[in-house]
């Protein structure tokens, strides 16, 4: 992520994607960036660390793939992302066997895949 853009990271990863922000270890706070987690009950099931890069260039192909618990959760996540004004595409909706998915771009242009088991 670009330097000084932590609020934009929170807007996408916390508010639109629905992850929980967690405090970085004290030794890493001065580097900038944000860390986010997904929980299933009290179990951590995903963690995304956004680090500051100079110069910044978005990840166009590499991406995290996050799995929703249900198709309803997938649709609700897509709606939050779209309401936040972020790019979202269902173009590859059924191209990964056994899953329904979409791809989105965070506020920095990084690609994120969100999926659920196909019904």
C-alpha atoms as a PDB file:
ATOM      1  CA  UNK A   1       0.000   0.000   0.000  1.00  0.00           C
ATOM      2  CA  UNK A   2       1.108   3.605  -0.426  1.00  0.00           C
ATOM      3  CA  UNK A   3       2.486   5.478   2.573  1.00  0.00           C
ATOM      4  CA  UNK A   4      -0.026   7.339   4.722  1.00  0.00           C
ATOM      5  CA  UNK A   5      -3.110   5.610   3.282  1.00  0.00           C
ATOM      6  CA  UNK A   6      -4.139   3.571   6.336  1.00  0.00           C
ATOM      7  CA  UNK A   7      -7.611   5.151   6.418  1.00  0.00           C
ATOM      8  CA  UNK A   8      -8.266   3.968   2.855  1.00  0.00           C
ATOM      9  CA  UNK A   9      -7.053   0.484   3.801  1.00  0.00           C
ATOM     10  CA  UNK A  10      -9.521   0.461   6.701  1.00  0.00           C
ATOM     11  CA  UNK A  11     -12.344   1.623   4.439  1.00  0.00           C
ATOM     12  CA  UNK A  12     -11.864  -1.367   2.136  1.00  0.00           C
ATOM     13  CA  UNK A  13     -10.573  -4.213   4.316  1.00  0.00           C
ATOM     14  CA  UNK A  14     -12.507  -3.420   7.492  1.00  0.00           C
ATOM     15  CA  UNK A  15     -15.645  -1.617   6.327  1.00  0.00           C
ATOM     16  CA  UNK A  16     -16.297  -3.149   2.879  1.00  0.00           C
ATOM     17  CA  UNK A  17     -14.636  -6.561   3.147  1.00  0.00           C
ATOM     18  CA  UNK A  18     -15.647  -7.066   6.796  1.00  0.00           C
ATOM     19  CA  UNK A  19     -12.283  -7.995   8.327  1.00  0.00           C
ATOM     20  CA  UNK A  20     -11.257  -6.882  11.808  1.00  0.00           C
ATOM     21  CA  UNK A  21      -8.244  -4.593  12.170  1.00  0.00           C
ATOM     22  CA  UNK A  22      -5.661  -5.817  14.671  1.00  0.00           C
ATOM     23  CA  UNK A  23      -2.780  -3.956  16.248  1.00  0.00           C
ATOM     24  CA  UNK A  24       0.595  -4.522  14.634  1.00  0.00           C
ATOM     25  CA  UNK A  25       3.413  -5.588  16.961  1.00  0.00           C
ATOM     26  CA  UNK A  26       5.017  -2.518  18.583  1.00  0.00           C
ATOM     27  CA  UNK A  27       8.298  -3.092  16.720  1.00  0.00           C
ATOM     28  CA  UNK A  28       6.484  -2.781  13.344  1.00  0.00           C
ATOM     29  CA  UNK A  29       4.122   0.163  13.952  1.00  0.00           C
ATOM     30  CA  UNK A  30       6.606   2.774  12.721  1.00  0.00           C
ATOM     31  CA  UNK A  31       6.691   1.112   9.280  1.00  0.00           C
ATOM     32  CA  UNK A  32       3.072   2.081   8.577  1.00  0.00           C
ATOM     33  CA  UNK A  33       0.458  -0.163   7.016  1.00  0.00           C
ATOM     34  CA  UNK A  34      -2.369  -2.153   8.584  1.00  0.00           C
ATOM     35  CA  UNK A  35      -3.144  -5.725   9.611  1.00  0.00           C
ATOM     36  CA  UNK A  36      -6.577  -7.317   9.319  1.00  0.00           C
ATOM     37  CA  UNK A  37      -8.020 -10.673  10.443  1.00  0.00           C
ATOM     38  CA  UNK A  38     -11.029 -12.844   9.778  1.00  0.00           C
ATOM     39  CA  UNK A  39     -12.395 -14.975  12.589  1.00  0.00           C
ATOM     40  CA  UNK A  40     -14.665 -17.980  12.735  1.00  0.00           C
ATOM     41  CA  UNK A  41     -15.824 -17.836  16.324  1.00  0.00           C
ATOM     42  CA  UNK A  42     -12.597 -17.361  18.269  1.00  0.00           C
ATOM     43  CA  UNK A  43     -10.405 -18.995  15.621  1.00  0.00           C
ATOM     44  CA  UNK A  44      -8.346 -16.855  13.232  1.00  0.00           C
ATOM     45  CA  UNK A  45      -9.041 -18.112   9.694  1.00  0.00           C
ATOM     46  CA  UNK A  46      -7.285 -15.416   7.641  1.00  0.00           C
ATOM     47  CA  UNK A  47      -4.868 -12.575   8.170  1.00  0.00           C
ATOM     48  CA  UNK A  48      -3.871  -9.897   5.664  1.00  0.00           C
ATOM     49  CA  UNK A  49      -0.872  -7.654   6.277  1.00  0.00           C
ATOM     50  CA  UNK A  50      -0.704  -4.498   4.188  1.00  0.00           C
ATOM     51  CA  UNK A  51       2.811  -3.110   4.159  1.00  0.00           C
ATOM     52  CA  UNK A  52       3.974   0.219   2.800  1.00  0.00           C
ATOM     53  CA  UNK A  53       5.999   0.068  -0.424  1.00  0.00           C
ATOM     54  CA  UNK A  54       8.114   2.842  -1.961  1.00  0.00           C
ATOM     55  CA  UNK A  55       7.389   3.275  -4.797  1.00  0.00           C
ATOM     56  CA  UNK A  56       3.984   1.617  -4.617  1.00  0.00           C
ATOM     57  CA  UNK A  57       2.708  -0.586  -7.432  1.00  0.00           C
ATOM     58  CA  UNK A  58      -0.565  -2.556  -7.059  1.00  0.00           C
ATOM     59  CA  UNK A  59      -0.625  -6.337  -7.305  1.00  0.00           C
ATOM     60  CA  UNK A  60      -2.492  -7.011 -10.544  1.00  0.00           C
ATOM     61  CA  UNK A  61      -2.368 -10.817 -10.658  1.00  0.00           C
ATOM     62  CA  UNK A  62      -1.267 -12.028  -7.205  1.00  0.00           C
ATOM     63  CA  UNK A  63      -4.115 -11.833  -4.712  1.00  0.00           C
ATOM     64  CA  UNK A  64      -5.602 -13.266  -1.542  1.00  0.00           C
ATOM     65  CA  UNK A  65      -8.555 -15.596  -1.967  1.00  0.00           C
ATOM     66  CA  UNK A  66     -11.065 -15.347   0.876  1.00  0.00           C
ATOM     67  CA  UNK A  67     -13.804 -17.931   1.385  1.00  0.00           C
ATOM     68  CA  UNK A  68     -17.223 -16.939   2.725  1.00  0.00           C
ATOM     69  CA  UNK A  69     -19.277 -19.343   4.814  1.00  0.00           C
ATOM     70  CA  UNK A  70     -22.296 -19.119   2.485  1.00  0.00           C
ATOM     71  CA  UNK A  71     -23.545 -17.695  -0.786  1.00  0.00           C
ATOM     72  CA  UNK A  72     -25.582 -15.172   1.210  1.00  0.00           C
ATOM     73  CA  UNK A  73     -22.411 -13.936   2.913  1.00  0.00           C
ATOM     74  CA  UNK A  74     -20.722 -13.713  -0.495  1.00  0.00           C
ATOM     75  CA  UNK A  75     -23.548 -11.550  -1.856  1.00  0.00           C
ATOM     76  CA  UNK A  76     -23.571  -9.337   1.255  1.00  0.00           C
ATOM     77  CA  UNK A  77     -19.808  -8.822   0.967  1.00  0.00           C
ATOM     78  CA  UNK A  78     -20.169  -7.896  -2.717  1.00  0.00           C
ATOM     79  CA  UNK A  79     -22.889  -5.387  -1.830  1.00  0.00           C
ATOM     80  CA  UNK A  80     -20.703  -3.703   0.822  1.00  0.00           C
ATOM     81  CA  UNK A  81     -17.794  -3.485  -1.619  1.00  0.00           C
ATOM     82  CA  UNK A  82     -19.975  -1.984  -4.352  1.00  0.00           C
ATOM     83  CA  UNK A  83     -21.585   0.459  -1.888  1.00  0.00           C
ATOM     84  CA  UNK A  84     -18.075   1.593  -0.963  1.00  0.00           C
ATOM     85  CA  UNK A  85     -17.508   2.527  -4.608  1.00  0.00           C
ATOM     86  CA  UNK A  86     -14.889  -0.141  -5.293  1.00  0.00           C
ATOM     87  CA  UNK A  87     -14.380  -2.020  -8.558  1.00  0.00           C
ATOM     88  CA  UNK A  88     -16.045  -5.447  -8.480  1.00  0.00           C
ATOM     89  CA  UNK A  89     -16.482  -8.054 -11.212  1.00  0.00           C
ATOM     90  CA  UNK A  90     -18.460 -11.292 -11.393  1.00  0.00           C
ATOM     91  CA  UNK A  91     -16.963 -12.034 -14.863  1.00  0.00           C
ATOM     92  CA  UNK A  92     -15.237 -15.181 -13.553  1.00  0.00           C
ATOM     93  CA  UNK A  93     -18.182 -16.131 -11.340  1.00  0.00           C
ATOM     94  CA  UNK A  94     -18.323 -19.825 -12.304  1.00  0.00           C
ATOM     95  CA  UNK A  95     -14.818 -20.442 -13.699  1.00  0.00           C
ATOM     96  CA  UNK A  96     -13.381 -22.094 -10.562  1.00  0.00           C
ATOM     97  CA  UNK A  97     -14.909 -25.550 -10.147  1.00  0.00           C
ATOM     98  CA  UNK A  98     -16.945 -25.921  -6.971  1.00  0.00           C
ATOM     99  CA  UNK A  99     -17.012 -22.198  -6.142  1.00  0.00           C
ATOM    100  CA  UNK A 100     -18.922 -19.044  -6.977  1.00  0.00           C
ATOM    101  CA  UNK A 101     -16.668 -15.992  -6.837  1.00  0.00           C
ATOM    102  CA  UNK A 102     -15.992 -12.373  -7.663  1.00  0.00           C
ATOM    103  CA  UNK A 103     -12.889 -10.241  -7.903  1.00  0.00           C
ATOM    104  CA  UNK A 104     -12.564  -6.733  -6.479  1.00  0.00           C
ATOM    105  CA  UNK A 105      -9.888  -4.038  -6.345  1.00  0.00           C
ATOM    106  CA  UNK A 106      -9.057  -2.256  -3.117  1.00  0.00           C
ATOM    107  CA  UNK A 107      -8.547   1.508  -3.090  1.00  0.00           C
ATOM    108  CA  UNK A 108      -4.944   1.011  -4.217  1.00  0.00           C
ATOM    109  CA  UNK A 109      -5.749  -1.249  -7.186  1.00  0.00           C
ATOM    110  CA  UNK A 110      -4.775  -4.545  -5.517  1.00  0.00           C
ATOM    111  CA  UNK A 111      -6.821  -7.565  -6.600  1.00  0.00           C
ATOM    112  CA  UNK A 112      -8.865  -9.522  -4.026  1.00  0.00           C
ATOM    113  CA  UNK A 113     -10.876 -12.685  -4.733  1.00  0.00           C
ATOM    114  CA  UNK A 114     -13.906 -13.572  -2.606  1.00  0.00           C
ATOM    115  CA  UNK A 115     -15.667 -16.918  -3.011  1.00  0.00           C
ATOM    116  CA  UNK A 116     -18.141 -19.387  -1.528  1.00  0.00           C
ATOM    117  CA  UNK A 117     -18.787 -23.049  -2.168  1.00  0.00           C
ATOM    118  CA  UNK A 118     -21.168 -23.437  -5.110  1.00  0.00           C
ATOM    119  CA  UNK A 119     -24.646 -24.654  -4.249  1.00  0.00           C
END
